[in-house]
Amino acid sequence: MEENSPATVAMVFAGGLGLAAYHAGVYQAFSQKCLPLHWVVGSSAGAATAALIAGNRAEDRIARMRAFWNSRRSKPIGRRHGGISMAGSAPFAPES
């Protein structure tokens, strides 16, 4: 890269449902500084966050991320019994 070339800025979001809760806050703090963002990428839950950023207008991104992750935080995923909760990484205890 040349000395006077502008830097390419990327956000990389990790997977894991516990981390997904922080993605919108991280993006919000970044965007409030009006920094340029050229690339977004993620794995697993981070890929969903990256898609929400890339697929929405700048002014809608934070609200859409919060709505998406809030709508999923209490729904169990995985096997019917013994799956994980989207509220974090705590085990999902099936009802007796």
PDB file of N, CA and C in Angstrom:
ATOM      1  N   MET A   1       0.845  -1.169   0.000  1.00  0.00           N
ATOM      2  CA  MET A   1       0.000   0.000   0.000  1.00  0.00           C
ATOM      3  C   MET A   1       0.893   1.235   0.000  1.00  0.00           C
ATOM      4  N   GLU A   2       0.512   2.205  -0.790  1.00  0.00           N
ATOM      5  CA  GLU A   2       1.277   3.441  -0.840  1.00  0.00           C
ATOM      6  C   GLU A   2       1.087   4.233   0.442  1.00  0.00           C
ATOM      7  N   GLU A   3       2.036   5.102   0.726  1.00  0.00           N
ATOM      8  CA  GLU A   3       1.986   5.902   1.953  1.00  0.00           C
ATOM      9  C   GLU A   3       0.725   6.738   2.080  1.00  0.00           C
ATOM     10  N   ASN A   4       0.244   7.322   0.994  1.00  0.00           N
ATOM     11  CA  ASN A   4      -0.910   8.206   1.037  1.00  0.00           C
ATOM     12  C   ASN A   4      -2.220   7.509   0.708  1.00  0.00           C
ATOM     13  N   SER A   5      -2.199   6.206   0.525  1.00  0.00           N
ATOM     14  CA  SER A   5      -3.414   5.461   0.211  1.00  0.00           C
ATOM     15  C   SER A   5      -4.298   5.365   1.448  1.00  0.00           C
ATOM     16  N   PRO A   6      -5.605   5.531   1.262  1.00  0.00           N
ATOM     17  CA  PRO A   6      -6.493   5.358   2.416  1.00  0.00           C
ATOM     18  C   PRO A   6      -6.534   3.886   2.827  1.00  0.00           C
ATOM     19  N   ALA A   7      -6.677   3.661   4.093  1.00  0.00           N
ATOM     20  CA  ALA A   7      -6.725   2.296   4.611  1.00  0.00           C
ATOM     21  C   ALA A   7      -8.066   1.664   4.272  1.00  0.00           C
ATOM     22  N   THR A   8      -8.058   0.362   4.079  1.00  0.00           N
ATOM     23  CA  THR A   8      -9.288  -0.395   3.929  1.00  0.00           C
ATOM     24  C   THR A   8      -9.688  -0.872   5.311  1.00  0.00           C
ATOM     25  N   VAL A   9     -10.926  -0.585   5.699  1.00  0.00           N
ATOM     26  CA  VAL A   9     -11.401  -0.914   7.032  1.00  0.00           C
ATOM     27  C   VAL A   9     -12.403  -2.055   6.940  1.00  0.00           C
ATOM     28  N   ALA A  10     -12.197  -3.067   7.784  1.00  0.00           N
ATOM     29  CA  ALA A  10     -13.100  -4.223   7.818  1.00  0.00           C
ATOM     30  C   ALA A  10     -13.509  -4.502   9.252  1.00  0.00           C
ATOM     31  N   MET A  11     -14.725  -5.014   9.421  1.00  0.00           N
ATOM     32  CA  MET A  11     -15.176  -5.507  10.722  1.00  0.00           C
ATOM     33  C   MET A  11     -15.363  -7.007  10.571  1.00  0.00           C
ATOM     34  N   VAL A  12     -14.797  -7.755  11.497  1.00  0.00           N
ATOM     35  CA  VAL A  12     -14.880  -9.210  11.487  1.00  0.00           C
ATOM     36  C   VAL A  12     -15.637  -9.635  12.744  1.00  0.00           C
ATOM     37  N   PHE A  13     -16.792 -10.263  12.550  1.00  0.00           N
ATOM     38  CA  PHE A  13     -17.637 -10.676  13.666  1.00  0.00           C
ATOM     39  C   PHE A  13     -17.480 -12.171  13.903  1.00  0.00           C
ATOM     40  N   ALA A  14     -17.169 -12.521  15.136  1.00  0.00           N
ATOM     41  CA  ALA A  14     -16.990 -13.920  15.503  1.00  0.00           C
ATOM     42  C   ALA A  14     -18.341 -14.619  15.621  1.00  0.00           C
ATOM     43  N   GLY A  15     -18.293 -15.927  15.550  1.00  0.00           N
ATOM     44  CA  GLY A  15     -19.486 -16.722  15.775  1.00  0.00           C
ATOM     45  C   GLY A  15     -19.746 -16.867  17.257  1.00  0.00           C
ATOM     46  N   GLY A  16     -20.870 -17.419  17.561  1.00  0.00           N
ATOM     47  CA  GLY A  16     -21.249 -17.631  18.957  1.00  0.00           C
ATOM     48  C   GLY A  16     -22.406 -16.745  19.330  1.00  0.00           C
ATOM     49  N   LEU A  17     -23.450 -17.355  19.808  1.00  0.00           N
ATOM     50  CA  LEU A  17     -24.655 -16.598  20.112  1.00  0.00           C
ATOM     51  C   LEU A  17     -24.453 -15.621  21.256  1.00  0.00           C
ATOM     52  N   GLY A  18     -23.564 -15.933  22.188  1.00  0.00           N
ATOM     53  CA  GLY A  18     -23.287 -15.000  23.275  1.00  0.00           C
ATOM     54  C   GLY A  18     -22.663 -13.719  22.758  1.00  0.00           C
ATOM     55  N   LEU A  19     -21.806 -13.822  21.748  1.00  0.00           N
ATOM     56  CA  LEU A  19     -21.170 -12.638  21.171  1.00  0.00           C
ATOM     57  C   LEU A  19     -22.116 -11.834  20.304  1.00  0.00           C
ATOM     58  N   ALA A  20     -23.116 -12.485  19.747  1.00  0.00           N
ATOM     59  CA  ALA A  20     -24.048 -11.795  18.857  1.00  0.00           C
ATOM     60  C   ALA A  20     -24.736 -10.641  19.560  1.00  0.00           C
ATOM     61  N   ALA A  21     -24.929 -10.756  20.850  1.00  0.00           N
ATOM     62  CA  ALA A  21     -25.572  -9.691  21.615  1.00  0.00           C
ATOM     63  C   ALA A  21     -24.734  -8.419  21.608  1.00  0.00           C
ATOM     64  N   TYR A  22     -23.445  -8.535  21.412  1.00  0.00           N
ATOM     65  CA  TYR A  22     -22.544  -7.380  21.436  1.00  0.00           C
ATOM     66  C   TYR A  22     -22.310  -6.766  20.061  1.00  0.00           C
ATOM     67  N   HIS A  23     -22.643  -7.479  19.009  1.00  0.00           N
ATOM     68  CA  HIS A  23     -22.341  -7.012  17.663  1.00  0.00           C
ATOM     69  C   HIS A  23     -22.953  -5.650  17.359  1.00  0.00           C
ATOM     70  N   ALA A  24     -24.240  -5.461  17.680  1.00  0.00           N
ATOM     71  CA  ALA A  24     -24.892  -4.183  17.376  1.00  0.00           C
ATOM     72  C   ALA A  24     -24.231  -3.038  18.135  1.00  0.00           C
ATOM     73  N   GLY A  25     -23.849  -3.280  19.379  1.00  0.00           N
ATOM     74  CA  GLY A  25     -23.185  -2.240  20.163  1.00  0.00           C
ATOM     75  C   GLY A  25     -21.825  -1.874  19.604  1.00  0.00           C
ATOM     76  N   VAL A  26     -21.089  -2.866  19.158  1.00  0.00           N
ATOM     77  CA  VAL A  26     -19.778  -2.615  18.553  1.00  0.00           C
ATOM     78  C   VAL A  26     -19.943  -1.803  17.274  1.00  0.00           C
ATOM     79  N   TYR A  27     -20.889  -2.231  16.439  1.00  0.00           N
ATOM     80  CA  TYR A  27     -21.118  -1.493  15.197  1.00  0.00           C
ATOM     81  C   TYR A  27     -21.607  -0.073  15.490  1.00  0.00           C
ATOM     82  N   GLN A  28     -22.484   0.087  16.465  1.00  0.00           N
ATOM     83  CA  GLN A  28     -23.008   1.409  16.803  1.00  0.00           C
ATOM     84  C   GLN A  28     -21.876   2.348  17.241  1.00  0.00           C
ATOM     85  N   ALA A  29     -20.995   1.882  18.111  1.00  0.00           N
ATOM     86  CA  ALA A  29     -19.872   2.701  18.560  1.00  0.00           C
ATOM     87  C   ALA A  29     -18.979   3.089  17.383  1.00  0.00           C
ATOM     88  N   PHE A  30     -18.739   2.143  16.496  1.00  0.00           N
ATOM     89  CA  PHE A  30     -17.910   2.397  15.315  1.00  0.00           C
ATOM     90  C   PHE A  30     -18.569   3.427  14.408  1.00  0.00           C
ATOM     91  N   SER A  31     -19.852   3.246  14.130  1.00  0.00           N
ATOM     92  CA  SER A  31     -20.534   4.136  13.182  1.00  0.00           C
ATOM     93  C   SER A  31     -20.726   5.548  13.744  1.00  0.00           C
ATOM     94  N   GLN A  32     -20.835   5.683  15.059  1.00  0.00           N
ATOM     95  CA  GLN A  32     -20.982   7.015  15.652  1.00  0.00           C
ATOM     96  C   GLN A  32     -19.731   7.866  15.462  1.00  0.00           C
ATOM     97  N   LYS A  33     -18.629   7.232  15.207  1.00  0.00           N
ATOM     98  CA  LYS A  33     -17.387   7.966  14.944  1.00  0.00           C
ATOM     99  C   LYS A  33     -17.265   8.343  13.470  1.00  0.00           C
ATOM    100  N   CYS A  34     -18.268   7.962  12.675  1.00  0.00           N
ATOM    101  CA  CYS A  34     -18.310   8.276  11.238  1.00  0.00           C
ATOM    102  C   CYS A  34     -17.069   7.776  10.497  1.00  0.00           C
ATOM    103  N   LEU A  35     -16.575   6.624  10.901  1.00  0.00           N
ATOM    104  CA  LEU A  35     -15.423   6.026  10.233  1.00  0.00           C
ATOM    105  C   LEU A  35     -15.891   5.264   8.994  1.00  0.00           C
ATOM    106  N   PRO A  36     -15.066   5.226   7.966  1.00  0.00           N
ATOM    107  CA  PRO A  36     -15.459   4.472   6.775  1.00  0.00           C
ATOM    108  C   PRO A  36     -15.393   2.966   7.048  1.00  0.00           C
ATOM    109  N   LEU A  37     -16.310   2.231   6.472  1.00  0.00           N
ATOM    110  CA  LEU A  37     -16.319   0.772   6.607  1.00  0.00           C
ATOM    111  C   LEU A  37     -16.449   0.186   5.209  1.00  0.00           C
ATOM    112  N   HIS A  38     -15.460  -0.607   4.820  1.00  0.00           N
ATOM    113  CA  HIS A  38     -15.420  -1.135   3.462  1.00  0.00           C
ATOM    114  C   HIS A  38     -15.865  -2.593   3.363  1.00  0.00           C
ATOM    115  N   TRP A  39     -15.597  -3.362   4.380  1.00  0.00           N
ATOM    116  CA  TRP A  39     -15.902  -4.792   4.357  1.00  0.00           C
ATOM    117  C   TRP A  39     -16.496  -5.213   5.693  1.00  0.00           C
ATOM    118  N   VAL A  40     -17.451  -6.147   5.645  1.00  0.00           N
ATOM    119  CA  VAL A  40     -17.951  -6.823   6.844  1.00  0.00           C
ATOM    120  C   VAL A  40     -17.948  -8.311   6.554  1.00  0.00           C
ATOM    121  N   VAL A  41     -17.576  -9.085   7.570  1.00  0.00           N
ATOM    122  CA  VAL A  41     -17.517 -10.533   7.417  1.00  0.00           C
ATOM    123  C   VAL A  41     -17.721 -11.154   8.789  1.00  0.00           C
ATOM    124  N   GLY A  42     -18.200 -12.371   8.807  1.00  0.00           N
ATOM    125  CA  GLY A  42     -18.367 -13.059  10.077  1.00  0.00           C
ATOM    126  C   GLY A  42     -18.590 -14.532   9.861  1.00  0.00           C
ATOM    127  N   SER A  43     -18.531 -15.268  10.954  1.00  0.00           N
ATOM    128  CA  SER A  43     -18.822 -16.693  10.889  1.00  0.00           C
ATOM    129  C   SER A  43     -19.992 -16.977  11.819  1.00  0.00           C
ATOM    130  N   SER A  44     -20.844 -17.877  11.406  1.00  0.00           N
ATOM    131  CA  SER A  44     -21.985 -18.301  12.195  1.00  0.00           C
ATOM    132  C   SER A  44     -22.842 -17.093  12.574  1.00  0.00           C
ATOM    133  N   ALA A  45     -23.038 -16.819  13.856  1.00  0.00           N
ATOM    134  CA  ALA A  45     -23.847 -15.672  14.269  1.00  0.00           C
ATOM    135  C   ALA A  45     -23.244 -14.368  13.751  1.00  0.00           C
ATOM    136  N   GLY A  46     -21.936 -14.308  13.646  1.00  0.00           N
ATOM    137  CA  GLY A  46     -21.277 -13.124  13.097  1.00  0.00           C
ATOM    138  C   GLY A  46     -21.603 -12.906  11.629  1.00  0.00           C
ATOM    139  N   ALA A  47     -21.825 -13.988  10.891  1.00  0.00           N
ATOM    140  CA  ALA A  47     -22.223 -13.871   9.486  1.00  0.00           C
ATOM    141  C   ALA A  47     -23.616 -13.259   9.371  1.00  0.00           C
ATOM    142  N   ALA A  48     -24.501 -13.609  10.306  1.00  0.00           N
ATOM    143  CA  ALA A  48     -25.829 -12.996  10.311  1.00  0.00           C
ATOM    144  C   ALA A  48     -25.727 -11.502  10.573  1.00  0.00           C
ATOM    145  N   THR A  49     -24.876 -11.119  11.504  1.00  0.00           N
ATOM    146  CA  THR A  49     -24.669  -9.696  11.787  1.00  0.00           C
ATOM    147  C   THR A  49     -24.101  -8.980  10.572  1.00  0.00           C
ATOM    148  N   ALA A  50     -23.104  -9.571   9.930  1.00  0.00           N
ATOM    149  CA  ALA A  50     -22.508  -8.957   8.744  1.00  0.00           C
ATOM    150  C   ALA A  50     -23.553  -8.795   7.640  1.00  0.00           C
ATOM    151  N   ALA A  51     -24.430  -9.777   7.475  1.00  0.00           N
ATOM    152  CA  ALA A  51     -25.488  -9.687   6.466  1.00  0.00           C
ATOM    153  C   ALA A  51     -26.475  -8.571   6.803  1.00  0.00           C
ATOM    154  N   LEU A  52     -26.782  -8.405   8.082  1.00  0.00           N
ATOM    155  CA  LEU A  52     -27.688  -7.331   8.495  1.00  0.00           C
ATOM    156  C   LEU A  52     -27.077  -5.955   8.226  1.00  0.00           C
ATOM    157  N   ILE A  53     -25.784  -5.830   8.396  1.00  0.00           N
ATOM    158  CA  ILE A  53     -25.103  -4.564   8.103  1.00  0.00           C
ATOM    159  C   ILE A  53     -25.075  -4.327   6.600  1.00  0.00           C
ATOM    160  N   ALA A  54     -24.652  -5.332   5.848  1.00  0.00           N
ATOM    161  CA  ALA A  54     -24.509  -5.179   4.402  1.00  0.00           C
ATOM    162  C   ALA A  54     -25.861  -5.025   3.704  1.00  0.00           C
ATOM    163  N   GLY A  55     -26.903  -5.620   4.263  1.00  0.00           N
ATOM    164  CA  GLY A  55     -28.198  -5.636   3.595  1.00  0.00           C
ATOM    165  C   GLY A  55     -29.157  -4.538   3.985  1.00  0.00           C
ATOM    166  N   ASN A  56     -28.727  -3.608   4.810  1.00  0.00           N
ATOM    167  CA  ASN A  56     -29.610  -2.529   5.244  1.00  0.00           C
ATOM    168  C   ASN A  56     -28.958  -1.174   5.029  1.00  0.00           C
ATOM    169  N   ARG A  57     -29.803  -0.159   4.879  1.00  0.00           N
ATOM    170  CA  ARG A  57     -29.288   1.205   4.763  1.00  0.00           C
ATOM    171  C   ARG A  57     -28.608   1.581   6.073  1.00  0.00           C
ATOM    172  N   ALA A  58     -27.633   2.460   6.004  1.00  0.00           N
ATOM    173  CA  ALA A  58     -26.851   2.835   7.186  1.00  0.00           C
ATOM    174  C   ALA A  58     -27.732   3.281   8.346  1.00  0.00           C
ATOM    175  N   GLU A  59     -28.765   4.047   8.066  1.00  0.00           N
ATOM    176  CA  GLU A  59     -29.611   4.561   9.140  1.00  0.00           C
ATOM    177  C   GLU A  59     -30.522   3.502   9.757  1.00  0.00           C
ATOM    178  N   ASP A  60     -30.656   2.340   9.112  1.00  0.00           N
ATOM    179  CA  ASP A  60     -31.523   1.271   9.625  1.00  0.00           C
ATOM    180  C   ASP A  60     -30.762   0.122  10.278  1.00  0.00           C
ATOM    181  N   ARG A  61     -29.472   0.080  10.135  1.00  0.00           N
ATOM    182  CA  ARG A  61     -28.691  -1.093  10.525  1.00  0.00           C
ATOM    183  C   ARG A  61     -28.788  -1.452  12.002  1.00  0.00           C
ATOM    184  N   ILE A  62     -28.600  -0.494  12.874  1.00  0.00           N
ATOM    185  CA  ILE A  62     -28.587  -0.786  14.312  1.00  0.00           C
ATOM    186  C   ILE A  62     -29.953  -1.281  14.763  1.00  0.00           C
ATOM    187  N   ALA A  63     -31.009  -0.606  14.337  1.00  0.00           N
ATOM    188  CA  ALA A  63     -32.364  -1.031  14.713  1.00  0.00           C
ATOM    189  C   ALA A  63     -32.667  -2.427  14.190  1.00  0.00           C
ATOM    190  N   ARG A  64     -32.262  -2.724  12.964  1.00  0.00           N
ATOM    191  CA  ARG A  64     -32.517  -4.051  12.388  1.00  0.00           C
ATOM    192  C   ARG A  64     -31.727  -5.140  13.109  1.00  0.00           C
ATOM    193  N   MET A  65     -30.470  -4.843  13.470  1.00  0.00           N
ATOM    194  CA  MET A  65     -29.683  -5.831  14.213  1.00  0.00           C
ATOM    195  C   MET A  65     -30.303  -6.109  15.574  1.00  0.00           C
ATOM    196  N   ARG A  66     -30.664  -5.058  16.275  1.00  0.00           N
ATOM    197  CA  ARG A  66     -31.262  -5.233  17.602  1.00  0.00           C
ATOM    198  C   ARG A  66     -32.575  -6.004  17.507  1.00  0.00           C
ATOM    199  N   ALA A  67     -33.414  -5.664  16.530  1.00  0.00           N
ATOM    200  CA  ALA A  67     -34.689  -6.373  16.363  1.00  0.00           C
ATOM    201  C   ALA A  67     -34.449  -7.845  16.048  1.00  0.00           C
ATOM    202  N   PHE A  68     -33.509  -8.121  15.159  1.00  0.00           N
ATOM    203  CA  PHE A  68     -33.216  -9.508  14.778  1.00  0.00           C
ATOM    204  C   PHE A  68     -32.727 -10.312  15.971  1.00  0.00           C
ATOM    205  N   TRP A  69     -31.710  -9.814  16.662  1.00  0.00           N
ATOM    206  CA  TRP A  69     -31.146 -10.590  17.769  1.00  0.00           C
ATOM    207  C   TRP A  69     -32.088 -10.644  18.966  1.00  0.00           C
ATOM    208  N   ASN A  70     -32.838  -9.577  19.228  1.00  0.00           N
ATOM    209  CA  ASN A  70     -33.802  -9.631  20.329  1.00  0.00           C
ATOM    210  C   ASN A  70     -34.910 -10.635  20.060  1.00  0.00           C
ATOM    211  N   SER A  71     -35.310 -10.793  18.809  1.00  0.00           N
ATOM    212  CA  SER A  71     -36.378 -11.739  18.480  1.00  0.00           C
ATOM    213  C   SER A  71     -35.923 -13.184  18.614  1.00  0.00           C
ATOM    214  N   ARG A  72     -34.635 -13.422  18.669  1.00  0.00           N
ATOM    215  CA  ARG A  72     -34.105 -14.777  18.738  1.00  0.00           C
ATOM    216  C   ARG A  72     -33.498 -15.139  20.086  1.00  0.00           C
ATOM    217  N   ARG A  73     -33.407 -14.206  20.978  1.00  0.00           N
ATOM    218  CA  ARG A  73     -32.662 -14.474  22.200  1.00  0.00           C
ATOM    219  C   ARG A  73     -33.319 -15.473  23.134  1.00  0.00           C
ATOM    220  N   SER A  74     -34.613 -15.685  23.049  1.00  0.00           N
ATOM    221  CA  SER A  74     -35.248 -16.625  23.964  1.00  0.00           C
ATOM    222  C   SER A  74     -35.768 -17.874  23.274  1.00  0.00           C
ATOM    223  N   LYS A  75     -35.485 -18.021  21.985  1.00  0.00           N
ATOM    224  CA  LYS A  75     -35.964 -19.197  21.266  1.00  0.00           C
ATOM    225  C   LYS A  75     -34.885 -20.271  21.261  1.00  0.00           C
ATOM    226  N   PRO A  76     -35.224 -21.473  21.700  1.00  0.00           N
ATOM    227  CA  PRO A  76     -34.232 -22.545  21.693  1.00  0.00           C
ATOM    228  C   PRO A  76     -33.923 -22.999  20.273  1.00  0.00           C
ATOM    229  N   ILE A  77     -32.687 -23.428  20.081  1.00  0.00           N
ATOM    230  CA  ILE A  77     -32.292 -24.001  18.804  1.00  0.00           C
ATOM    231  C   ILE A  77     -31.624 -25.336  19.077  1.00  0.00           C
ATOM    232  N   GLY A  78     -31.328 -26.049  18.041  1.00  0.00           N
ATOM    233  CA  GLY A  78     -30.650 -27.328  18.221  1.00  0.00           C
ATOM    234  C   GLY A  78     -31.646 -28.453  18.410  1.00  0.00           C
ATOM    235  N   ARG A  79     -31.197 -29.515  19.025  1.00  0.00           N
ATOM    236  CA  ARG A  79     -32.060 -30.671  19.256  1.00  0.00           C
ATOM    237  C   ARG A  79     -33.217 -30.298  20.151  1.00  0.00           C
ATOM    238  N   ARG A  80     -34.290 -31.050  20.049  1.00  0.00           N
ATOM    239  CA  ARG A  80     -35.481 -30.781  20.856  1.00  0.00           C
ATOM    240  C   ARG A  80     -35.155 -30.809  22.341  1.00  0.00           C
ATOM    241  N   HIS A  81     -34.339 -31.724  22.766  1.00  0.00           N
ATOM    242  CA  HIS A  81     -33.937 -31.808  24.173  1.00  0.00           C
ATOM    243  C   HIS A  81     -32.420 -31.709  24.226  1.00  0.00           C
ATOM    244  N   GLY A  82     -31.936 -30.808  25.036  1.00  0.00           N
ATOM    245  CA  GLY A  82     -30.494 -30.666  25.189  1.00  0.00           C
ATOM    246  C   GLY A  82     -29.870 -29.707  24.206  1.00  0.00           C
ATOM    247  N   GLY A  83     -30.685 -28.897  23.506  1.00  0.00           N
ATOM    248  CA  GLY A  83     -30.153 -27.897  22.590  1.00  0.00           C
ATOM    249  C   GLY A  83     -29.577 -26.736  23.376  1.00  0.00           C
ATOM    250  N   ILE A  84     -29.248 -25.668  22.693  1.00  0.00           N
ATOM    251  CA  ILE A  84     -28.745 -24.480  23.384  1.00  0.00           C
ATOM    252  C   ILE A  84     -29.754 -23.357  23.243  1.00  0.00           C
ATOM    253  N   SER A  85     -29.713 -22.424  24.124  1.00  0.00           N
ATOM    254  CA  SER A  85     -30.603 -21.274  24.088  1.00  0.00           C
ATOM    255  C   SER A  85     -29.910 -20.155  23.343  1.00  0.00           C
ATOM    256  N   MET A  86     -30.664 -19.403  22.556  1.00  0.00           N
ATOM    257  CA  MET A  86     -30.066 -18.280  21.840  1.00  0.00           C
ATOM    258  C   MET A  86     -29.830 -17.099  22.764  1.00  0.00           C
ATOM    259  N   ALA A  87     -30.198 -17.209  24.029  1.00  0.00           N
ATOM    260  CA  ALA A  87     -29.928 -16.141  24.980  1.00  0.00           C
ATOM    261  C   ALA A  87     -28.458 -16.114  25.370  1.00  0.00           C
ATOM    262  N   GLY A  88     -27.733 -17.117  25.043  1.00  0.00           N
ATOM    263  CA  GLY A  88     -26.311 -17.182  25.376  1.00  0.00           C
ATOM    264  C   GLY A  88     -25.830 -18.594  25.192  1.00  0.00           C
ATOM    265  N   SER A  89     -24.805 -18.947  25.902  1.00  0.00           N
ATOM    266  CA  SER A  89     -24.253 -20.275  25.719  1.00  0.00           C
ATOM    267  C   SER A  89     -24.674 -21.233  26.834  1.00  0.00           C
ATOM    268  N   ALA A  90     -25.648 -20.825  27.631  1.00  0.00           N
ATOM    269  CA  ALA A  90     -26.111 -21.698  28.718  1.00  0.00           C
ATOM    270  C   ALA A  90     -26.931 -22.841  28.121  1.00  0.00           C
ATOM    271  N   PRO A  91     -26.859 -24.017  28.744  1.00  0.00           N
ATOM    272  CA  PRO A  91     -27.644 -25.140  28.240  1.00  0.00           C
ATOM    273  C   PRO A  91     -29.131 -24.858  28.320  1.00  0.00           C
ATOM    274  N   PHE A  92     -29.856 -25.358  27.360  1.00  0.00           N
ATOM    275  CA  PHE A  92     -31.308 -25.224  27.334  1.00  0.00           C
ATOM    276  C   PHE A  92     -31.888 -26.371  28.125  1.00  0.00           C
ATOM    277  N   ALA A  93     -32.659 -26.034  29.139  1.00  0.00           N
ATOM    278  CA  ALA A  93     -33.287 -27.068  29.965  1.00  0.00           C
ATOM    279  C   ALA A  93     -34.701 -27.284  29.487  1.00  0.00           C
ATOM    280  N   PRO A  94     -35.002 -28.446  28.888  1.00  0.00           N
ATOM    281  CA  PRO A  94     -36.354 -28.687  28.405  1.00  0.00           C
ATOM    282  C   PRO A  94     -37.330 -28.758  29.584  1.00  0.00           C
ATOM    283  N   GLU A  95     -38.573 -28.346  29.303  1.00  0.00           N
ATOM    284  CA  GLU A  95     -39.597 -28.394  30.345  1.00  0.00           C
ATOM    285  C   GLU A  95     -39.881 -29.838  30.726  1.00  0.00           C
ATOM    286  N   SER A  96     -40.164 -30.075  31.987  1.00  0.00           N
ATOM    287  CA  SER A  96     -40.467 -31.438  32.449  1.00  0.00           C
ATOM    288  C   SER A  96     -41.870 -31.807  32.106  1.00  0.00           C
TER     289      SER A  96
END
